């Protein structure tokens, strides 16, 4: 297994975790054809942390703070059908995978007899999926005491009820529209669809940096921003 670098994101490349597992870097056109709501539901299922399901786990008598991320994934992997995962994994069938104990590694893995995913492979897979989709890595949730934990569980339970009644709201459409219509972009509605999801996120982030830099420079020349309080390294849009 090899690790990916940032060039995969810029080039819009897919990533071969091993000889059997390849994680696709889908184009915007592929995502919209597949269905944006289904796509993000898949992404959420693959990169979910136990804390994302704290209420459901608590109701089953499980403390999410004690659950390992890979073990948590193992409990839900069979619910992902080949049709649902095809946009990211092609013919790989998670629903056929079972939990095994690798005697050599002395740890649990999931597989179908030919394809195996161990904790390290899973970590690389989820890291790549987060990176191409612009999903930041969240710090583990910890609480000072049981009272604080119960309060957060109550808040999350209310949020779940509210979200359940809300219709799906596209995240990509506003991003695509903004990117196409900003002066710094050279893409139109047709050409932007050829970009992969990682290239869209990289492009929009770079445009935001460029716009922020230009605004700061205008403020500097206009005298509304003090030069001695300006850190040029922080606003450099080329890094």
C-alpha atoms as a PDB file:
ATOM      1  CA  UNK A   1       0.000   0.000   0.000  1.00  0.00           C
ATOM      2  CA  UNK A   2       1.221   3.500  -0.847  1.00  0.00           C
ATOM      3  CA  UNK A   3       0.126   6.817   0.548  1.00  0.00           C
ATOM      4  CA  UNK A   4      -1.258   9.575  -1.656  1.00  0.00           C
ATOM      5  CA  UNK A   5      -0.025  13.147  -1.831  1.00  0.00           C
ATOM      6  CA  UNK A   6      -1.608  16.459  -2.790  1.00  0.00           C
ATOM      7  CA  UNK A   7      -0.848  15.920  -6.471  1.00  0.00           C
ATOM      8  CA  UNK A   8      -3.742  13.433  -6.579  1.00  0.00           C
ATOM      9  CA  UNK A   9      -6.108  16.245  -5.634  1.00  0.00           C
ATOM     10  CA  UNK A  10      -4.749  18.716  -8.196  1.00  0.00           C
ATOM     11  CA  UNK A  11      -4.663  16.148 -11.017  1.00  0.00           C
ATOM     12  CA  UNK A  12      -8.055  14.740 -10.112  1.00  0.00           C
ATOM     13  CA  UNK A  13      -6.598  11.258  -9.879  1.00  0.00           C
ATOM     14  CA  UNK A  14      -8.146   8.204  -8.296  1.00  0.00           C
ATOM     15  CA  UNK A  15      -6.113   6.415  -5.637  1.00  0.00           C
ATOM     16  CA  UNK A  16      -5.153   2.737  -5.560  1.00  0.00           C
ATOM     17  CA  UNK A  17      -5.018   1.729  -1.911  1.00  0.00           C
ATOM     18  CA  UNK A  18      -3.889  -1.745  -2.928  1.00  0.00           C
ATOM     19  CA  UNK A  19      -4.303  -4.080  -5.891  1.00  0.00           C
ATOM     20  CA  UNK A  20      -7.968  -4.674  -5.087  1.00  0.00           C
ATOM     21  CA  UNK A  21      -9.207  -1.344  -3.690  1.00  0.00           C
ATOM     22  CA  UNK A  22      -9.267   1.810  -5.812  1.00  0.00           C
ATOM     23  CA  UNK A  23     -10.998   4.956  -4.546  1.00  0.00           C
ATOM     24  CA  UNK A  24     -12.359   7.041  -7.431  1.00  0.00           C
ATOM     25  CA  UNK A  25     -12.140  10.820  -7.611  1.00  0.00           C
ATOM     26  CA  UNK A  26     -15.455  11.408  -9.427  1.00  0.00           C
ATOM     27  CA  UNK A  27     -16.202  14.316 -11.731  1.00  0.00           C
ATOM     28  CA  UNK A  28     -19.019  16.733 -10.972  1.00  0.00           C
ATOM     29  CA  UNK A  29     -20.924  15.343 -13.930  1.00  0.00           C
ATOM     30  CA  UNK A  30     -20.629  11.824 -12.490  1.00  0.00           C
ATOM     31  CA  UNK A  31     -21.836  12.990  -9.085  1.00  0.00           C
ATOM     32  CA  UNK A  32     -24.883  14.795 -10.468  1.00  0.00           C
ATOM     33  CA  UNK A  33     -25.716  11.813 -12.674  1.00  0.00           C
ATOM     34  CA  UNK A  34     -25.378   9.493  -9.685  1.00  0.00           C
ATOM     35  CA  UNK A  35     -27.376  11.837  -7.456  1.00  0.00           C
ATOM     36  CA  UNK A  36     -25.806  14.379  -5.128  1.00  0.00           C
ATOM     37  CA  UNK A  37     -27.905  13.326  -2.128  1.00  0.00           C
ATOM     38  CA  UNK A  38     -26.966   9.665  -2.588  1.00  0.00           C
ATOM     39  CA  UNK A  39     -23.326  10.610  -3.072  1.00  0.00           C
ATOM     40  CA  UNK A  40     -23.024  12.545   0.169  1.00  0.00           C
ATOM     41  CA  UNK A  41     -24.974   9.874   2.030  1.00  0.00           C
ATOM     42  CA  UNK A  42     -22.317   7.391   0.864  1.00  0.00           C
ATOM     43  CA  UNK A  43     -19.471   9.714   1.837  1.00  0.00           C
ATOM     44  CA  UNK A  44     -20.991  10.228   5.281  1.00  0.00           C
ATOM     45  CA  UNK A  45     -21.401   6.489   5.806  1.00  0.00           C
ATOM     46  CA  UNK A  46     -17.774   5.823   4.868  1.00  0.00           C
ATOM     47  CA  UNK A  47     -16.073   8.529   6.926  1.00  0.00           C
ATOM     48  CA  UNK A  48     -18.484   8.656   9.867  1.00  0.00           C
ATOM     49  CA  UNK A  49     -17.001   8.692  13.345  1.00  0.00           C
ATOM     50  CA  UNK A  50     -18.685   7.095  16.358  1.00  0.00           C
ATOM     51  CA  UNK A  51     -19.367  10.597  17.687  1.00  0.00           C
ATOM     52  CA  UNK A  52     -21.482  11.301  14.589  1.00  0.00           C
ATOM     53  CA  UNK A  53     -23.863   8.614  15.841  1.00  0.00           C
ATOM     54  CA  UNK A  54     -23.544   9.336  19.549  1.00  0.00           C
ATOM     55  CA  UNK A  55     -27.296   9.342  20.144  1.00  0.00           C
ATOM     56  CA  UNK A  56     -27.957   6.074  18.308  1.00  0.00           C
ATOM     57  CA  UNK A  57     -25.079   4.377  20.111  1.00  0.00           C
ATOM     58  CA  UNK A  58     -26.169   5.735  23.480  1.00  0.00           C
ATOM     59  CA  UNK A  59     -29.695   4.425  22.945  1.00  0.00           C
ATOM     60  CA  UNK A  60     -28.147   0.986  22.391  1.00  0.00           C
ATOM     61  CA  UNK A  61     -26.222   1.258  25.638  1.00  0.00           C
ATOM     62  CA  UNK A  62     -22.876   1.979  23.931  1.00  0.00           C
ATOM     63  CA  UNK A  63     -20.593   4.850  24.927  1.00  0.00           C
ATOM     64  CA  UNK A  64     -19.343   6.351  21.654  1.00  0.00           C
ATOM     65  CA  UNK A  65     -16.136   7.555  23.344  1.00  0.00           C
ATOM     66  CA  UNK A  66     -15.038   3.946  23.802  1.00  0.00           C
ATOM     67  CA  UNK A  67     -15.687   2.841  20.203  1.00  0.00           C
ATOM     68  CA  UNK A  68     -12.815   2.519  17.719  1.00  0.00           C
ATOM     69  CA  UNK A  69     -13.468   4.115  14.305  1.00  0.00           C
ATOM     70  CA  UNK A  70     -12.546   1.018  12.326  1.00  0.00           C
ATOM     71  CA  UNK A  71     -14.615  -1.234  14.596  1.00  0.00           C
ATOM     72  CA  UNK A  72     -17.535   1.145  14.149  1.00  0.00           C
ATOM     73  CA  UNK A  73     -17.177   0.931  10.369  1.00  0.00           C
ATOM     74  CA  UNK A  74     -17.104  -2.867  10.561  1.00  0.00           C
ATOM     75  CA  UNK A  75     -20.541  -2.886  12.186  1.00  0.00           C
ATOM     76  CA  UNK A  76     -22.156  -0.982   9.311  1.00  0.00           C
ATOM     77  CA  UNK A  77     -20.144  -1.996   6.234  1.00  0.00           C
ATOM     78  CA  UNK A  78     -22.655  -4.658   5.159  1.00  0.00           C
ATOM     79  CA  UNK A  79     -25.369  -2.033   4.778  1.00  0.00           C
ATOM     80  CA  UNK A  80     -23.547  -0.430   1.808  1.00  0.00           C
ATOM     81  CA  UNK A  81     -24.602  -2.106  -1.436  1.00  0.00           C
ATOM     82  CA  UNK A  82     -22.459  -2.310  -4.560  1.00  0.00           C
ATOM     83  CA  UNK A  83     -24.885  -0.002  -6.363  1.00  0.00           C
ATOM     84  CA  UNK A  84     -24.561   2.604  -3.625  1.00  0.00           C
ATOM     85  CA  UNK A  85     -20.760   2.501  -3.488  1.00  0.00           C
ATOM     86  CA  UNK A  86     -20.072   2.163  -7.230  1.00  0.00           C
ATOM     87  CA  UNK A  87     -19.314   5.849  -7.815  1.00  0.00           C
ATOM     88  CA  UNK A  88     -16.350   5.663  -5.423  1.00  0.00           C
ATOM     89  CA  UNK A  89     -15.352   1.989  -5.542  1.00  0.00           C
ATOM     90  CA  UNK A  90     -16.532   0.552  -8.842  1.00  0.00           C
ATOM     91  CA  UNK A  91     -17.241  -3.182  -8.549  1.00  0.00           C
ATOM     92  CA  UNK A  92     -16.056  -3.484  -4.944  1.00  0.00           C
ATOM     93  CA  UNK A  93     -18.893  -4.994  -2.893  1.00  0.00           C
ATOM     94  CA  UNK A  94     -18.899  -3.965   0.752  1.00  0.00           C
ATOM     95  CA  UNK A  95     -22.135  -5.853   1.395  1.00  0.00           C
ATOM     96  CA  UNK A  96     -20.308  -9.165   0.798  1.00  0.00           C
ATOM     97  CA  UNK A  97     -17.564  -8.420   3.315  1.00  0.00           C
ATOM     98  CA  UNK A  98     -17.267 -10.069   6.696  1.00  0.00           C
ATOM     99  CA  UNK A  99     -15.108  -9.535   9.764  1.00  0.00           C
ATOM    100  CA  UNK A 100     -11.981 -11.696  10.044  1.00  0.00           C
ATOM    101  CA  UNK A 101      -9.083 -11.892  12.437  1.00  0.00           C
ATOM    102  CA  UNK A 102      -5.734 -11.623  10.660  1.00  0.00           C
ATOM    103  CA  UNK A 103      -3.451 -13.995  12.544  1.00  0.00           C
ATOM    104  CA  UNK A 104      -0.350 -12.362  11.099  1.00  0.00           C
ATOM    105  CA  UNK A 105      -1.366  -8.831  12.022  1.00  0.00           C
ATOM    106  CA  UNK A 106      -3.286  -9.985  15.095  1.00  0.00           C
ATOM    107  CA  UNK A 107      -6.096  -7.564  14.400  1.00  0.00           C
ATOM    108  CA  UNK A 108      -9.539  -7.519  12.885  1.00  0.00           C
ATOM    109  CA  UNK A 109      -9.972  -6.904   9.160  1.00  0.00           C
ATOM    110  CA  UNK A 110     -12.962  -6.913   6.826  1.00  0.00           C
ATOM    111  CA  UNK A 111     -13.004  -8.765   3.526  1.00  0.00           C
ATOM    112  CA  UNK A 112     -14.719 -11.163   1.159  1.00  0.00           C
ATOM    113  CA  UNK A 113     -12.033 -13.867   0.921  1.00  0.00           C
ATOM    114  CA  UNK A 114     -10.038 -12.038  -1.757  1.00  0.00           C
ATOM    115  CA  UNK A 115     -10.253  -8.376  -0.822  1.00  0.00           C
ATOM    116  CA  UNK A 116      -9.254  -7.341   2.679  1.00  0.00           C
ATOM    117  CA  UNK A 117      -9.279  -3.941   4.365  1.00  0.00           C
ATOM    118  CA  UNK A 118      -7.304  -3.530   7.582  1.00  0.00           C
ATOM    119  CA  UNK A 119      -7.372  -0.533   9.960  1.00  0.00           C
ATOM    120  CA  UNK A 120      -4.472   1.196   8.168  1.00  0.00           C
ATOM    121  CA  UNK A 121      -6.097   0.781   4.739  1.00  0.00           C
ATOM    122  CA  UNK A 122      -9.368   2.083   6.151  1.00  0.00           C
ATOM    123  CA  UNK A 123      -7.603   5.148   7.582  1.00  0.00           C
ATOM    124  CA  UNK A 124      -6.040   5.902   4.171  1.00  0.00           C
ATOM    125  CA  UNK A 125      -9.372   5.380   2.376  1.00  0.00           C
ATOM    126  CA  UNK A 126     -11.257   7.729   4.679  1.00  0.00           C
ATOM    127  CA  UNK A 127      -8.464  10.309   4.566  1.00  0.00           C
ATOM    128  CA  UNK A 128      -8.577  10.342   0.765  1.00  0.00           C
ATOM    129  CA  UNK A 129     -12.379  10.615   0.700  1.00  0.00           C
ATOM    130  CA  UNK A 130     -12.293  13.504   3.158  1.00  0.00           C
ATOM    131  CA  UNK A 131      -9.581  15.292   1.215  1.00  0.00           C
ATOM    132  CA  UNK A 132     -11.235  15.098  -2.206  1.00  0.00           C
ATOM    133  CA  UNK A 133     -14.526  16.296  -0.724  1.00  0.00           C
ATOM    134  CA  UNK A 134     -13.062  19.135   1.309  1.00  0.00           C
ATOM    135  CA  UNK A 135     -14.148  17.607   4.622  1.00  0.00           C
ATOM    136  CA  UNK A 136     -11.996  18.769   7.543  1.00  0.00           C
ATOM    137  CA  UNK A 137     -10.817  16.272  10.132  1.00  0.00           C
ATOM    138  CA  UNK A 138     -12.671  16.858  13.377  1.00  0.00           C
ATOM    139  CA  UNK A 139     -11.041  16.541  16.754  1.00  0.00           C
ATOM    140  CA  UNK A 140     -12.337  13.688  18.933  1.00  0.00           C
ATOM    141  CA  UNK A 141     -15.215  14.759  21.155  1.00  0.00           C
ATOM    142  CA  UNK A 142     -14.464  14.639  24.858  1.00  0.00           C
ATOM    143  CA  UNK A 143     -16.493  15.934  27.772  1.00  0.00           C
ATOM    144  CA  UNK A 144     -15.516  17.221  31.176  1.00  0.00           C
ATOM    145  CA  UNK A 145     -18.161  15.192  32.948  1.00  0.00           C
ATOM    146  CA  UNK A 146     -21.310  13.138  32.499  1.00  0.00           C
ATOM    147  CA  UNK A 147     -23.554  16.194  32.872  1.00  0.00           C
ATOM    148  CA  UNK A 148     -21.931  17.896  29.881  1.00  0.00           C
ATOM    149  CA  UNK A 149     -22.168  14.685  27.856  1.00  0.00           C
ATOM    150  CA  UNK A 150     -25.878  14.331  28.589  1.00  0.00           C
ATOM    151  CA  UNK A 151     -26.436  17.949  27.571  1.00  0.00           C
ATOM    152  CA  UNK A 152     -24.670  17.398  24.236  1.00  0.00           C
ATOM    153  CA  UNK A 153     -26.666  14.235  23.633  1.00  0.00           C
ATOM    154  CA  UNK A 154     -29.861  16.206  24.168  1.00  0.00           C
ATOM    155  CA  UNK A 155     -28.766  18.903  21.729  1.00  0.00           C
ATOM    156  CA  UNK A 156     -27.823  16.298  19.126  1.00  0.00           C
ATOM    157  CA  UNK A 157     -31.156  14.518  19.575  1.00  0.00           C
ATOM    158  CA  UNK A 158     -33.000  17.781  18.865  1.00  0.00           C
ATOM    159  CA  UNK A 159     -30.808  18.409  15.802  1.00  0.00           C
ATOM    160  CA  UNK A 160     -31.589  14.947  14.466  1.00  0.00           C
ATOM    161  CA  UNK A 161     -35.336  15.576  14.742  1.00  0.00           C
ATOM    162  CA  UNK A 162     -35.002  18.920  12.981  1.00  0.00           C
ATOM    163  CA  UNK A 163     -32.830  17.583  10.151  1.00  0.00           C
ATOM    164  CA  UNK A 164     -35.165  14.648   9.614  1.00  0.00           C
ATOM    165  CA  UNK A 165     -37.966  17.016   8.624  1.00  0.00           C
ATOM    166  CA  UNK A 166     -35.794  19.209   6.405  1.00  0.00           C
ATOM    167  CA  UNK A 167     -35.543  18.512   2.649  1.00  0.00           C
ATOM    168  CA  UNK A 168     -32.136  17.828   1.135  1.00  0.00           C
ATOM    169  CA  UNK A 169     -30.283  21.034   0.254  1.00  0.00           C
ATOM    170  CA  UNK A 170     -27.608  20.881  -2.411  1.00  0.00           C
ATOM    171  CA  UNK A 171     -24.094  21.791  -1.335  1.00  0.00           C
ATOM    172  CA  UNK A 172     -22.564  21.537  -4.797  1.00  0.00           C
ATOM    173  CA  UNK A 173     -24.931  23.709  -6.824  1.00  0.00           C
ATOM    174  CA  UNK A 174     -24.131  26.978  -4.969  1.00  0.00           C
ATOM    175  CA  UNK A 175     -20.420  26.116  -5.059  1.00  0.00           C
ATOM    176  CA  UNK A 176     -20.461  25.432  -8.798  1.00  0.00           C
ATOM    177  CA  UNK A 177     -22.508  28.561  -9.540  1.00  0.00           C
ATOM    178  CA  UNK A 178     -20.197  30.740  -7.447  1.00  0.00           C
ATOM    179  CA  UNK A 179     -17.085  29.293  -9.062  1.00  0.00           C
ATOM    180  CA  UNK A 180     -18.381  29.740 -12.612  1.00  0.00           C
ATOM    181  CA  UNK A 181     -19.560  33.307 -12.047  1.00  0.00           C
ATOM    182  CA  UNK A 182     -16.536  34.732 -10.245  1.00  0.00           C
ATOM    183  CA  UNK A 183     -14.176  36.803 -12.452  1.00  0.00           C
ATOM    184  CA  UNK A 184     -11.187  34.675 -11.420  1.00  0.00           C
ATOM    185  CA  UNK A 185     -12.642  31.502 -12.927  1.00  0.00           C
ATOM    186  CA  UNK A 186     -12.215  30.501 -16.573  1.00  0.00           C
ATOM    187  CA  UNK A 187     -14.887  27.801 -16.442  1.00  0.00           C
ATOM    188  CA  UNK A 188     -18.427  27.787 -17.788  1.00  0.00           C
ATOM    189  CA  UNK A 189     -21.306  25.589 -16.692  1.00  0.00           C
ATOM    190  CA  UNK A 190     -20.447  22.905 -19.226  1.00  0.00           C
ATOM    191  CA  UNK A 191     -16.679  22.840 -18.776  1.00  0.00           C
ATOM    192  CA  UNK A 192     -16.792  22.923 -14.970  1.00  0.00           C
ATOM    193  CA  UNK A 193     -18.637  19.591 -14.972  1.00  0.00           C
ATOM    194  CA  UNK A 194     -15.468  17.925 -16.269  1.00  0.00           C
ATOM    195  CA  UNK A 195     -13.614  18.811 -13.075  1.00  0.00           C
ATOM    196  CA  UNK A 196     -13.320  16.191 -10.379  1.00  0.00           C
ATOM    197  CA  UNK A 197     -14.694  16.946  -6.937  1.00  0.00           C
ATOM    198  CA  UNK A 198     -11.166  17.479  -5.587  1.00  0.00           C
ATOM    199  CA  UNK A 199     -10.321  19.947  -8.368  1.00  0.00           C
ATOM    200  CA  UNK A 200     -13.479  21.943  -7.668  1.00  0.00           C
ATOM    201  CA  UNK A 201     -12.642  22.260  -3.976  1.00  0.00           C
ATOM    202  CA  UNK A 202      -9.032  23.144  -4.715  1.00  0.00           C
ATOM    203  CA  UNK A 203     -10.065  25.745  -7.288  1.00  0.00           C
ATOM    204  CA  UNK A 204     -12.648  27.433  -5.083  1.00  0.00           C
ATOM    205  CA  UNK A 205     -10.273  27.555  -2.126  1.00  0.00           C
ATOM    206  CA  UNK A 206      -7.570  29.128  -4.294  1.00  0.00           C
ATOM    207  CA  UNK A 207     -10.010  31.728  -5.646  1.00  0.00           C
ATOM    208  CA  UNK A 208     -11.064  32.610  -2.107  1.00  0.00           C
ATOM    209  CA  UNK A 209      -7.421  33.095  -1.144  1.00  0.00           C
ATOM    210  CA  UNK A 210      -6.835  35.291  -4.189  1.00  0.00           C
ATOM    211  CA  UNK A 211      -9.911  37.442  -3.485  1.00  0.00           C
ATOM    212  CA  UNK A 212      -8.901  37.818   0.167  1.00  0.00           C
ATOM    213  CA  UNK A 213      -5.376  38.850  -0.867  1.00  0.00           C
ATOM    214  CA  UNK A 214      -6.683  41.453  -3.324  1.00  0.00           C
ATOM    215  CA  UNK A 215      -9.043  42.906  -0.718  1.00  0.00           C
ATOM    216  CA  UNK A 216      -6.266  43.165   1.860  1.00  0.00           C
ATOM    217  CA  UNK A 217      -3.948  44.867  -0.647  1.00  0.00           C
ATOM    218  CA  UNK A 218      -6.642  47.400  -1.524  1.00  0.00           C
ATOM    219  CA  UNK A 219      -7.134  48.119   2.155  1.00  0.00           C
ATOM    220  CA  UNK A 220      -3.380  48.489   2.599  1.00  0.00           C
ATOM    221  CA  UNK A 221      -3.031  50.993  -0.211  1.00  0.00           C
ATOM    222  CA  UNK A 222      -6.146  52.862   0.912  1.00  0.00           C
ATOM    223  CA  UNK A 223      -4.720  53.208   4.401  1.00  0.00           C
ATOM    224  CA  UNK A 224      -7.525  51.295   6.122  1.00  0.00           C
ATOM    225  CA  UNK A 225      -5.176  48.452   7.118  1.00  0.00           C
ATOM    226  CA  UNK A 226      -2.010  49.090   9.121  1.00  0.00           C
ATOM    227  CA  UNK A 227       1.046  47.658   7.388  1.00  0.00           C
ATOM    228  CA  UNK A 228       2.838  46.865  10.649  1.00  0.00           C
ATOM    229  CA  UNK A 229      -0.051  44.609  11.678  1.00  0.00           C
ATOM    230  CA  UNK A 230      -0.107  42.708   8.383  1.00  0.00           C
ATOM    231  CA  UNK A 231       1.362  39.214   8.116  1.00  0.00           C
ATOM    232  CA  UNK A 232       2.025  38.670   4.407  1.00  0.00           C
ATOM    233  CA  UNK A 233       2.655  34.956   4.933  1.00  0.00           C
ATOM    234  CA  UNK A 234      -0.925  34.515   6.145  1.00  0.00           C
ATOM    235  CA  UNK A 235      -2.504  36.086   3.053  1.00  0.00           C
ATOM    236  CA  UNK A 236      -0.128  34.741   0.393  1.00  0.00           C
ATOM    237  CA  UNK A 237      -2.483  33.094  -2.111  1.00  0.00           C
ATOM    238  CA  UNK A 238       0.363  31.220  -3.828  1.00  0.00           C
ATOM    239  CA  UNK A 239       0.890  28.731  -0.984  1.00  0.00           C
END
